[in-house]
Amino acid sequence: MGFLNIEVEGDCLSVIRNLKENRGEQSVIGAYIHNICASCVIFQNCAFHHVQKHINGDAHALAIEVLKRNEATYLVGDVPTYTLNAVEVDRR
């Protein structure tokens, strides 16, 4: 895709902490933490940031819709039409 740097935002502080410290062996989601951290090696910089839940509304709306549709979604250059309403609400 050509990305060199990525920033990942999430509203679950414990997950973000585990990602930043590359630990999660004792966690129920430890395998996911390990896979995400292992995927970061292809980037020059991979940063994880905690955000408040209300700031993460667009990502939540996208995740819910993707689960309903049982599809994989990659956001490269565009936003799916079903998330545009959430984006407009955030802009206000």
PDB file of N, CA and C in Angstrom:
ATOM      1  N   MET A   1       0.804  -1.192   0.000  1.00  0.00           N
ATOM      2  CA  MET A   1       0.000   0.000   0.000  1.00  0.00           C
ATOM      3  C   MET A   1       0.846   1.255   0.000  1.00  0.00           C
ATOM      4  N   GLY A   2       2.093   1.156   0.391  1.00  0.00           N
ATOM      5  CA  GLY A   2       2.956   2.312   0.348  1.00  0.00           C
ATOM      6  C   GLY A   2       3.016   3.135   1.615  1.00  0.00           C
ATOM      7  N   PHE A   3       2.347   2.703   2.671  1.00  0.00           N
ATOM      8  CA  PHE A   3       2.402   3.454   3.918  1.00  0.00           C
ATOM      9  C   PHE A   3       3.702   3.149   4.653  1.00  0.00           C
ATOM     10  N   LEU A   4       4.351   4.186   5.167  1.00  0.00           N
ATOM     11  CA  LEU A   4       5.562   3.998   5.954  1.00  0.00           C
ATOM     12  C   LEU A   4       5.294   4.111   7.449  1.00  0.00           C
ATOM     13  N   ASN A   5       4.350   4.962   7.799  1.00  0.00           N
ATOM     14  CA  ASN A   5       4.019   5.221   9.200  1.00  0.00           C
ATOM     15  C   ASN A   5       2.522   5.045   9.401  1.00  0.00           C
ATOM     16  N   ILE A   6       2.148   4.423  10.523  1.00  0.00           N
ATOM     17  CA  ILE A   6       0.727   4.313  10.839  1.00  0.00           C
ATOM     18  C   ILE A   6       0.501   4.714  12.289  1.00  0.00           C
ATOM     19  N   GLU A   7      -0.683   5.221  12.542  1.00  0.00           N
ATOM     20  CA  GLU A   7      -1.119   5.536  13.896  1.00  0.00           C
ATOM     21  C   GLU A   7      -2.442   4.830  14.119  1.00  0.00           C
ATOM     22  N   VAL A   8      -2.519   4.094  15.203  1.00  0.00           N
ATOM     23  CA  VAL A   8      -3.717   3.340  15.548  1.00  0.00           C
ATOM     24  C   VAL A   8      -4.312   3.961  16.797  1.00  0.00           C
ATOM     25  N   GLU A   9      -5.597   4.289  16.724  1.00  0.00           N
ATOM     26  CA  GLU A   9      -6.296   4.855  17.872  1.00  0.00           C
ATOM     27  C   GLU A   9      -7.322   3.854  18.364  1.00  0.00           C
ATOM     28  N   GLY A  10      -7.446   3.782  19.684  1.00  0.00           N
ATOM     29  CA  GLY A  10      -8.442   2.898  20.269  1.00  0.00           C
ATOM     30  C   GLY A  10      -8.943   3.435  21.589  1.00  0.00           C
ATOM     31  N   ASP A  11     -10.159   3.022  21.964  1.00  0.00           N
ATOM     32  CA  ASP A  11     -10.730   3.529  23.200  1.00  0.00           C
ATOM     33  C   ASP A  11     -10.592   2.570  24.376  1.00  0.00           C
ATOM     34  N   CYS A  12      -9.918   1.462  24.183  1.00  0.00           N
ATOM     35  CA  CYS A  12      -9.681   0.515  25.278  1.00  0.00           C
ATOM     36  C   CYS A  12      -8.244   0.698  25.775  1.00  0.00           C
ATOM     37  N   LEU A  13      -8.114   1.356  26.926  1.00  0.00           N
ATOM     38  CA  LEU A  13      -6.797   1.715  27.444  1.00  0.00           C
ATOM     39  C   LEU A  13      -5.912   0.501  27.678  1.00  0.00           C
ATOM     40  N   SER A  14      -6.475  -0.580  28.197  1.00  0.00           N
ATOM     41  CA  SER A  14      -5.639  -1.761  28.467  1.00  0.00           C
ATOM     42  C   SER A  14      -5.067  -2.356  27.182  1.00  0.00           C
ATOM     43  N   VAL A  15      -5.841  -2.338  26.104  1.00  0.00           N
ATOM     44  CA  VAL A  15      -5.349  -2.852  24.816  1.00  0.00           C
ATOM     45  C   VAL A  15      -4.237  -1.950  24.289  1.00  0.00           C
ATOM     46  N   ILE A  16      -4.448  -0.647  24.341  1.00  0.00           N
ATOM     47  CA  ILE A  16      -3.429   0.294  23.858  1.00  0.00           C
ATOM     48  C   ILE A  16      -2.144   0.144  24.673  1.00  0.00           C
ATOM     49  N   ARG A  17      -2.267  -0.001  25.982  1.00  0.00           N
ATOM     50  CA  ARG A  17      -1.070  -0.203  26.821  1.00  0.00           C
ATOM     51  C   ARG A  17      -0.335  -1.473  26.424  1.00  0.00           C
ATOM     52  N   ASN A  18      -1.075  -2.562  26.235  1.00  0.00           N
ATOM     53  CA  ASN A  18      -0.443  -3.824  25.833  1.00  0.00           C
ATOM     54  C   ASN A  18       0.238  -3.702  24.476  1.00  0.00           C
ATOM     55  N   LEU A  19      -0.389  -2.971  23.552  1.00  0.00           N
ATOM     56  CA  LEU A  19       0.220  -2.783  22.239  1.00  0.00           C
ATOM     57  C   LEU A  19       1.491  -1.952  22.340  1.00  0.00           C
ATOM     58  N   LYS A  20       1.455  -0.890  23.135  1.00  0.00           N
ATOM     59  CA  LYS A  20       2.638  -0.040  23.288  1.00  0.00           C
ATOM     60  C   LYS A  20       3.801  -0.799  23.912  1.00  0.00           C
ATOM     61  N   GLU A  21       3.488  -1.686  24.833  1.00  0.00           N
ATOM     62  CA  GLU A  21       4.535  -2.425  25.546  1.00  0.00           C
ATOM     63  C   GLU A  21       4.806  -3.788  24.921  1.00  0.00           C
ATOM     64  N   ASN A  22       4.074  -4.109  23.847  1.00  0.00           N
ATOM     65  CA  ASN A  22       4.220  -5.385  23.156  1.00  0.00           C
ATOM     66  C   ASN A  22       4.133  -6.554  24.134  1.00  0.00           C
ATOM     67  N   ARG A  23       3.112  -6.490  24.963  1.00  0.00           N
ATOM     68  CA  ARG A  23       2.874  -7.587  25.902  1.00  0.00           C
ATOM     69  C   ARG A  23       1.398  -7.922  25.898  1.00  0.00           C
ATOM     70  N   GLY A  24       1.084  -9.086  26.241  1.00  0.00           N
ATOM     71  CA  GLY A  24      -0.299  -9.532  26.267  1.00  0.00           C
ATOM     72  C   GLY A  24      -0.371 -11.028  26.447  1.00  0.00           C
ATOM     73  N   GLU A  25       0.776 -11.595  26.782  1.00  0.00           N
ATOM     74  CA  GLU A  25       0.856 -13.051  26.914  1.00  0.00           C
ATOM     75  C   GLU A  25      -0.151 -13.584  27.927  1.00  0.00           C
ATOM     76  N   GLN A  26      -0.397 -12.835  29.004  1.00  0.00           N
ATOM     77  CA  GLN A  26      -1.300 -13.273  30.054  1.00  0.00           C
ATOM     78  C   GLN A  26      -2.749 -12.896  29.757  1.00  0.00           C
ATOM     79  N   SER A  27      -2.965 -12.166  28.698  1.00  0.00           N
ATOM     80  CA  SER A  27      -4.284 -11.643  28.389  1.00  0.00           C
ATOM     81  C   SER A  27      -5.081 -12.619  27.526  1.00  0.00           C
ATOM     82  N   VAL A  28      -6.409 -12.524  27.633  1.00  0.00           N
ATOM     83  CA  VAL A  28      -7.297 -13.320  26.786  1.00  0.00           C
ATOM     84  C   VAL A  28      -7.081 -12.950  25.325  1.00  0.00           C
ATOM     85  N   ILE A  29      -6.725 -11.699  25.079  1.00  0.00           N
ATOM     86  CA  ILE A  29      -6.516 -11.235  23.708  1.00  0.00           C
ATOM     87  C   ILE A  29      -5.028 -11.200  23.345  1.00  0.00           C
ATOM     88  N   GLY A  30      -4.231 -11.931  24.084  1.00  0.00           N
ATOM     89  CA  GLY A  30      -2.786 -11.940  23.875  1.00  0.00           C
ATOM     90  C   GLY A  30      -2.359 -12.279  22.456  1.00  0.00           C
ATOM     91  N   ALA A  31      -3.045 -13.222  21.818  1.00  0.00           N
ATOM     92  CA  ALA A  31      -2.698 -13.602  20.442  1.00  0.00           C
ATOM     93  C   ALA A  31      -2.933 -12.442  19.483  1.00  0.00           C
ATOM     94  N   TYR A  32      -3.999 -11.684  19.713  1.00  0.00           N
ATOM     95  CA  TYR A  32      -4.271 -10.521  18.861  1.00  0.00           C
ATOM     96  C   TYR A  32      -3.210  -9.448  19.049  1.00  0.00           C
ATOM     97  N   ILE A  33      -2.831  -9.219  20.314  1.00  0.00           N
ATOM     98  CA  ILE A  33      -1.788  -8.230  20.607  1.00  0.00           C
ATOM     99  C   ILE A  33      -0.501  -8.635  19.898  1.00  0.00           C
ATOM    100  N   HIS A  34      -0.145  -9.897  20.009  1.00  0.00           N
ATOM    101  CA  HIS A  34       1.076 -10.400  19.367  1.00  0.00           C
ATOM    102  C   HIS A  34       1.009 -10.217  17.850  1.00  0.00           C
ATOM    103  N   ASN A  35      -0.116 -10.564  17.228  1.00  0.00           N
ATOM    104  CA  ASN A  35      -0.252 -10.445  15.773  1.00  0.00           C
ATOM    105  C   ASN A  35      -0.176  -8.997  15.308  1.00  0.00           C
ATOM    106  N   ILE A  36      -0.806  -8.094  16.051  1.00  0.00           N
ATOM    107  CA  ILE A  36      -0.758  -6.680  15.678  1.00  0.00           C
ATOM    108  C   ILE A  36       0.668  -6.162  15.770  1.00  0.00           C
ATOM    109  N   CYS A  37       1.342  -6.468  16.872  1.00  0.00           N
ATOM    110  CA  CYS A  37       2.726  -6.009  17.044  1.00  0.00           C
ATOM    111  C   CYS A  37       3.645  -6.614  15.988  1.00  0.00           C
ATOM    112  N   ALA A  38       3.435  -7.877  15.655  1.00  0.00           N
ATOM    113  CA  ALA A  38       4.256  -8.524  14.626  1.00  0.00           C
ATOM    114  C   ALA A  38       4.018  -7.881  13.258  1.00  0.00           C
ATOM    115  N   SER A  39       2.798  -7.417  13.011  1.00  0.00           N
ATOM    116  CA  SER A  39       2.480  -6.767  11.738  1.00  0.00           C
ATOM    117  C   SER A  39       3.135  -5.399  11.605  1.00  0.00           C
ATOM    118  N   CYS A  40       3.491  -4.802  12.726  1.00  0.00           N
ATOM    119  CA  CYS A  40       4.078  -3.458  12.705  1.00  0.00           C
ATOM    120  C   CYS A  40       5.490  -3.428  12.128  1.00  0.00           C
ATOM    121  N   VAL A  41       6.140  -4.562  12.013  1.00  0.00           N
ATOM    122  CA  VAL A  41       7.524  -4.568  11.529  1.00  0.00           C
ATOM    123  C   VAL A  41       7.649  -4.113  10.080  1.00  0.00           C
ATOM    124  N   ILE A  42       6.553  -4.132   9.333  1.00  0.00           N
ATOM    125  CA  ILE A  42       6.629  -3.704   7.929  1.00  0.00           C
ATOM    126  C   ILE A  42       6.585  -2.185   7.786  1.00  0.00           C
ATOM    127  N   PHE A  43       6.348  -1.472   8.890  1.00  0.00           N
ATOM    128  CA  PHE A  43       6.286  -0.017   8.872  1.00  0.00           C
ATOM    129  C   PHE A  43       7.511   0.584   9.540  1.00  0.00           C
ATOM    130  N   GLN A  44       7.899   1.779   9.114  1.00  0.00           N
ATOM    131  CA  GLN A  44       8.995   2.479   9.776  1.00  0.00           C
ATOM    132  C   GLN A  44       8.592   2.897  11.173  1.00  0.00           C
ATOM    133  N   ASN A  45       7.320   3.301  11.328  1.00  0.00           N
ATOM    134  CA  ASN A  45       6.827   3.735  12.622  1.00  0.00           C
ATOM    135  C   ASN A  45       5.387   3.273  12.783  1.00  0.00           C
ATOM    136  N   CYS A  46       5.098   2.693  13.931  1.00  0.00           N
ATOM    137  CA  CYS A  46       3.761   2.207  14.242  1.00  0.00           C
ATOM    138  C   CYS A  46       3.429   2.726  15.644  1.00  0.00           C
ATOM    139  N   ALA A  47       2.502   3.680  15.739  1.00  0.00           N
ATOM    140  CA  ALA A  47       2.187   4.307  17.024  1.00  0.00           C
ATOM    141  C   ALA A  47       0.763   3.962  17.445  1.00  0.00           C
ATOM    142  N   PHE A  48       0.579   3.777  18.735  1.00  0.00           N
ATOM    143  CA  PHE A  48      -0.725   3.455  19.307  1.00  0.00           C
ATOM    144  C   PHE A  48      -1.132   4.563  20.261  1.00  0.00           C
ATOM    145  N   HIS A  49      -2.387   5.028  20.129  1.00  0.00           N
ATOM    146  CA  HIS A  49      -2.874   6.135  20.948  1.00  0.00           C
ATOM    147  C   HIS A  49      -4.235   5.792  21.541  1.00  0.00           C
ATOM    148  N   HIS A  50      -4.397   6.131  22.808  1.00  0.00           N
ATOM    149  CA  HIS A  50      -5.696   5.975  23.450  1.00  0.00           C
ATOM    150  C   HIS A  50      -6.522   7.229  23.193  1.00  0.00           C
ATOM    151  N   VAL A  51      -7.786   7.035  22.832  1.00  0.00           N
ATOM    152  CA  VAL A  51      -8.711   8.146  22.642  1.00  0.00           C
ATOM    153  C   VAL A  51      -9.983   7.845  23.435  1.00  0.00           C
ATOM    154  N   GLN A  52     -10.686   8.892  23.811  1.00  0.00           N
ATOM    155  CA  GLN A  52     -11.947   8.701  24.525  1.00  0.00           C
ATOM    156  C   GLN A  52     -12.971   8.053  23.604  1.00  0.00           C
ATOM    157  N   LYS A  53     -13.864   7.308  24.206  1.00  0.00           N
ATOM    158  CA  LYS A  53     -14.823   6.531  23.426  1.00  0.00           C
ATOM    159  C   LYS A  53     -15.642   7.388  22.460  1.00  0.00           C
ATOM    160  N   HIS A  54     -16.062   8.575  22.869  1.00  0.00           N
ATOM    161  CA  HIS A  54     -16.890   9.398  21.984  1.00  0.00           C
ATOM    162  C   HIS A  54     -16.110   9.899  20.767  1.00  0.00           C
ATOM    163  N   ILE A  55     -14.795   9.948  20.867  1.00  0.00           N
ATOM    164  CA  ILE A  55     -13.957  10.364  19.735  1.00  0.00           C
ATOM    165  C   ILE A  55     -13.831   9.225  18.720  1.00  0.00           C
ATOM    166  N   ASN A  56     -14.005   8.016  19.189  1.00  0.00           N
ATOM    167  CA  ASN A  56     -13.821   6.830  18.361  1.00  0.00           C
ATOM    168  C   ASN A  56     -15.123   6.384  17.682  1.00  0.00           C
ATOM    169  N   GLY A  57     -16.103   7.277  17.580  1.00  0.00           N
ATOM    170  CA  GLY A  57     -17.418   6.923  17.051  1.00  0.00           C
ATOM    171  C   GLY A  57     -17.424   6.416  15.626  1.00  0.00           C
ATOM    172  N   ASP A  58     -16.642   7.032  14.768  1.00  0.00           N
ATOM    173  CA  ASP A  58     -16.605   6.600  13.367  1.00  0.00           C
ATOM    174  C   ASP A  58     -16.072   5.182  13.241  1.00  0.00           C
ATOM    175  N   ALA A  59     -15.010   4.895  13.964  1.00  0.00           N
ATOM    176  CA  ALA A  59     -14.432   3.546  13.913  1.00  0.00           C
ATOM    177  C   ALA A  59     -15.418   2.517  14.458  1.00  0.00           C
ATOM    178  N   HIS A  60     -16.135   2.886  15.510  1.00  0.00           N
ATOM    179  CA  HIS A  60     -17.125   1.977  16.085  1.00  0.00           C
ATOM    180  C   HIS A  60     -18.254   1.710  15.088  1.00  0.00           C
ATOM    181  N   ALA A  61     -18.749   2.767  14.451  1.00  0.00           N
ATOM    182  CA  ALA A  61     -19.819   2.612  13.462  1.00  0.00           C
ATOM    183  C   ALA A  61     -19.368   1.722  12.308  1.00  0.00           C
ATOM    184  N   LEU A  62     -18.134   1.918  11.868  1.00  0.00           N
ATOM    185  CA  LEU A  62     -17.593   1.096  10.789  1.00  0.00           C
ATOM    186  C   LEU A  62     -17.490  -0.368  11.217  1.00  0.00           C
ATOM    187  N   ALA A  63     -16.975  -0.599  12.418  1.00  0.00           N
ATOM    188  CA  ALA A  63     -16.814  -1.972  12.907  1.00  0.00           C
ATOM    189  C   ALA A  63     -18.163  -2.684  13.017  1.00  0.00           C
ATOM    190  N   ILE A  64     -19.168  -2.001  13.554  1.00  0.00           N
ATOM    191  CA  ILE A  64     -20.499  -2.598  13.688  1.00  0.00           C
ATOM    192  C   ILE A  64     -21.076  -2.957  12.318  1.00  0.00           C
ATOM    193  N   GLU A  65     -20.963  -2.055  11.376  1.00  0.00           N
ATOM    194  CA  GLU A  65     -21.505  -2.300  10.039  1.00  0.00           C
ATOM    195  C   GLU A  65     -20.768  -3.437   9.333  1.00  0.00           C
ATOM    196  N   VAL A  66     -19.443  -3.485   9.490  1.00  0.00           N
ATOM    197  CA  VAL A  66     -18.655  -4.558   8.871  1.00  0.00           C
ATOM    198  C   VAL A  66     -19.055  -5.908   9.453  1.00  0.00           C
ATOM    199  N   LEU A  67     -19.275  -5.956  10.776  1.00  0.00           N
ATOM    200  CA  LEU A  67     -19.711  -7.208  11.406  1.00  0.00           C
ATOM    201  C   LEU A  67     -21.090  -7.628  10.894  1.00  0.00           C
ATOM    202  N   LYS A  68     -21.994  -6.665  10.735  1.00  0.00           N
ATOM    203  CA  LYS A  68     -23.329  -6.973  10.215  1.00  0.00           C
ATOM    204  C   LYS A  68     -23.250  -7.540   8.802  1.00  0.00           C
ATOM    205  N   ARG A  69     -22.355  -6.976   8.016  1.00  0.00           N
ATOM    206  CA  ARG A  69     -22.239  -7.386   6.606  1.00  0.00           C
ATOM    207  C   ARG A  69     -21.323  -8.591   6.421  1.00  0.00           C
ATOM    208  N   ASN A  70     -20.609  -8.972   7.483  1.00  0.00           N
ATOM    209  CA  ASN A  70     -19.672 -10.098   7.423  1.00  0.00           C
ATOM    210  C   ASN A  70     -18.664  -9.913   6.288  1.00  0.00           C
ATOM    211  N   GLU A  71     -18.016  -8.743   6.281  1.00  0.00           N
ATOM    212  CA  GLU A  71     -17.069  -8.431   5.223  1.00  0.00           C
ATOM    213  C   GLU A  71     -15.774  -7.866   5.797  1.00  0.00           C
ATOM    214  N   ALA A  72     -14.747  -7.915   5.010  1.00  0.00           N
ATOM    215  CA  ALA A  72     -13.478  -7.287   5.363  1.00  0.00           C
ATOM    216  C   ALA A  72     -13.441  -5.924   4.682  1.00  0.00           C
ATOM    217  N   THR A  73     -13.026  -4.898   5.401  1.00  0.00           N
ATOM    218  CA  THR A  73     -12.993  -3.554   4.844  1.00  0.00           C
ATOM    219  C   THR A  73     -11.618  -2.957   5.037  1.00  0.00           C
ATOM    220  N   TYR A  74     -11.065  -2.396   3.988  1.00  0.00           N
ATOM    221  CA  TYR A  74      -9.786  -1.715   4.053  1.00  0.00           C
ATOM    222  C   TYR A  74     -10.003  -0.279   3.609  1.00  0.00           C
ATOM    223  N   LEU A  75      -9.665   0.649   4.484  1.00  0.00           N
ATOM    224  CA  LEU A  75      -9.903   2.058   4.190  1.00  0.00           C
ATOM    225  C   LEU A  75      -8.672   2.664   3.544  1.00  0.00           C
ATOM    226  N   VAL A  76      -8.649   2.665   2.243  1.00  0.00           N
ATOM    227  CA  VAL A  76      -7.550   3.265   1.505  1.00  0.00           C
ATOM    228  C   VAL A  76      -8.144   4.270   0.539  1.00  0.00           C
ATOM    229  N   GLY A  77      -8.016   5.540   0.891  1.00  0.00           N
ATOM    230  CA  GLY A  77      -8.437   6.597  -0.006  1.00  0.00           C
ATOM    231  C   GLY A  77      -9.907   6.960   0.009  1.00  0.00           C
ATOM    232  N   ASP A  78     -10.749   6.212   0.729  1.00  0.00           N
ATOM    233  CA  ASP A  78     -12.168   6.516   0.720  1.00  0.00           C
ATOM    234  C   ASP A  78     -12.831   5.959   1.972  1.00  0.00           C
ATOM    235  N   VAL A  79     -13.998   6.485   2.267  1.00  0.00           N
ATOM    236  CA  VAL A  79     -14.798   6.031   3.396  1.00  0.00           C
ATOM    237  C   VAL A  79     -16.038   5.345   2.830  1.00  0.00           C
ATOM    238  N   PRO A  80     -16.386   4.155   3.337  1.00  0.00           N
ATOM    239  CA  PRO A  80     -17.603   3.503   2.845  1.00  0.00           C
ATOM    240  C   PRO A  80     -18.828   4.392   3.085  1.00  0.00           C
ATOM    241  N   THR A  81     -19.784   4.298   2.197  1.00  0.00           N
ATOM    242  CA  THR A  81     -20.959   5.172   2.283  1.00  0.00           C
ATOM    243  C   THR A  81     -21.713   5.006   3.587  1.00  0.00           C
ATOM    244  N   TYR A  82     -21.710   3.815   4.175  1.00  0.00           N
ATOM    245  CA  TYR A  82     -22.467   3.606   5.403  1.00  0.00           C
ATOM    246  C   TYR A  82     -21.823   4.245   6.628  1.00  0.00           C
ATOM    247  N   THR A  83     -20.630   4.809   6.488  1.00  0.00           N
ATOM    248  CA  THR A  83     -20.027   5.522   7.621  1.00  0.00           C
ATOM    249  C   THR A  83     -20.111   7.036   7.454  1.00  0.00           C
ATOM    250  N   LEU A  84     -20.569   7.497   6.325  1.00  0.00           N
ATOM    251  CA  LEU A  84     -20.620   8.936   6.080  1.00  0.00           C
ATOM    252  C   LEU A  84     -21.498   9.673   7.084  1.00  0.00           C
ATOM    253  N   ASN A  85     -22.606   9.069   7.514  1.00  0.00           N
ATOM    254  CA  ASN A  85     -23.459   9.729   8.504  1.00  0.00           C
ATOM    255  C   ASN A  85     -22.731   9.945   9.822  1.00  0.00           C
ATOM    256  N   ALA A  86     -21.976   8.963  10.274  1.00  0.00           N
ATOM    257  CA  ALA A  86     -21.225   9.100  11.520  1.00  0.00           C
ATOM    258  C   ALA A  86     -20.144  10.179  11.391  1.00  0.00           C
ATOM    259  N   VAL A  87     -19.527  10.268  10.221  1.00  0.00           N
ATOM    260  CA  VAL A  87     -18.510  11.279   9.988  1.00  0.00           C
ATOM    261  C   VAL A  87     -19.136  12.679  10.027  1.00  0.00           C
ATOM    262  N   GLU A  88     -20.306  12.828   9.409  1.00  0.00           N
ATOM    263  CA  GLU A  88     -20.990  14.128   9.407  1.00  0.00           C
ATOM    264  C   GLU A  88     -21.381  14.552  10.809  1.00  0.00           C
ATOM    265  N   VAL A  89     -21.846  13.616  11.621  1.00  0.00           N
ATOM    266  CA  VAL A  89     -22.193  13.936  13.008  1.00  0.00           C
ATOM    267  C   VAL A  89     -20.962  14.383  13.780  1.00  0.00           C
ATOM    268  N   ASP A  90     -19.828  13.725  13.562  1.00  0.00           N
ATOM    269  CA  ASP A  90     -18.588  14.091  14.244  1.00  0.00           C
ATOM    270  C   ASP A  90     -18.121  15.488  13.864  1.00  0.00           C
ATOM    271  N   ARG A  91     -18.361  15.898  12.651  1.00  0.00           N
ATOM    272  CA  ARG A  91     -17.898  17.203  12.177  1.00  0.00           C
ATOM    273  C   ARG A  91     -18.655  18.364  12.831  1.00  0.00           C
ATOM    274  N   ARG A  92     -19.855  18.082  13.313  1.00  0.00           N
ATOM    275  CA  ARG A  92     -20.685  19.140  13.913  1.00  0.00           C
ATOM    276  C   ARG A  92     -20.254  19.496  15.288  1.00  0.00           C
TER     277      ARG A  92
END
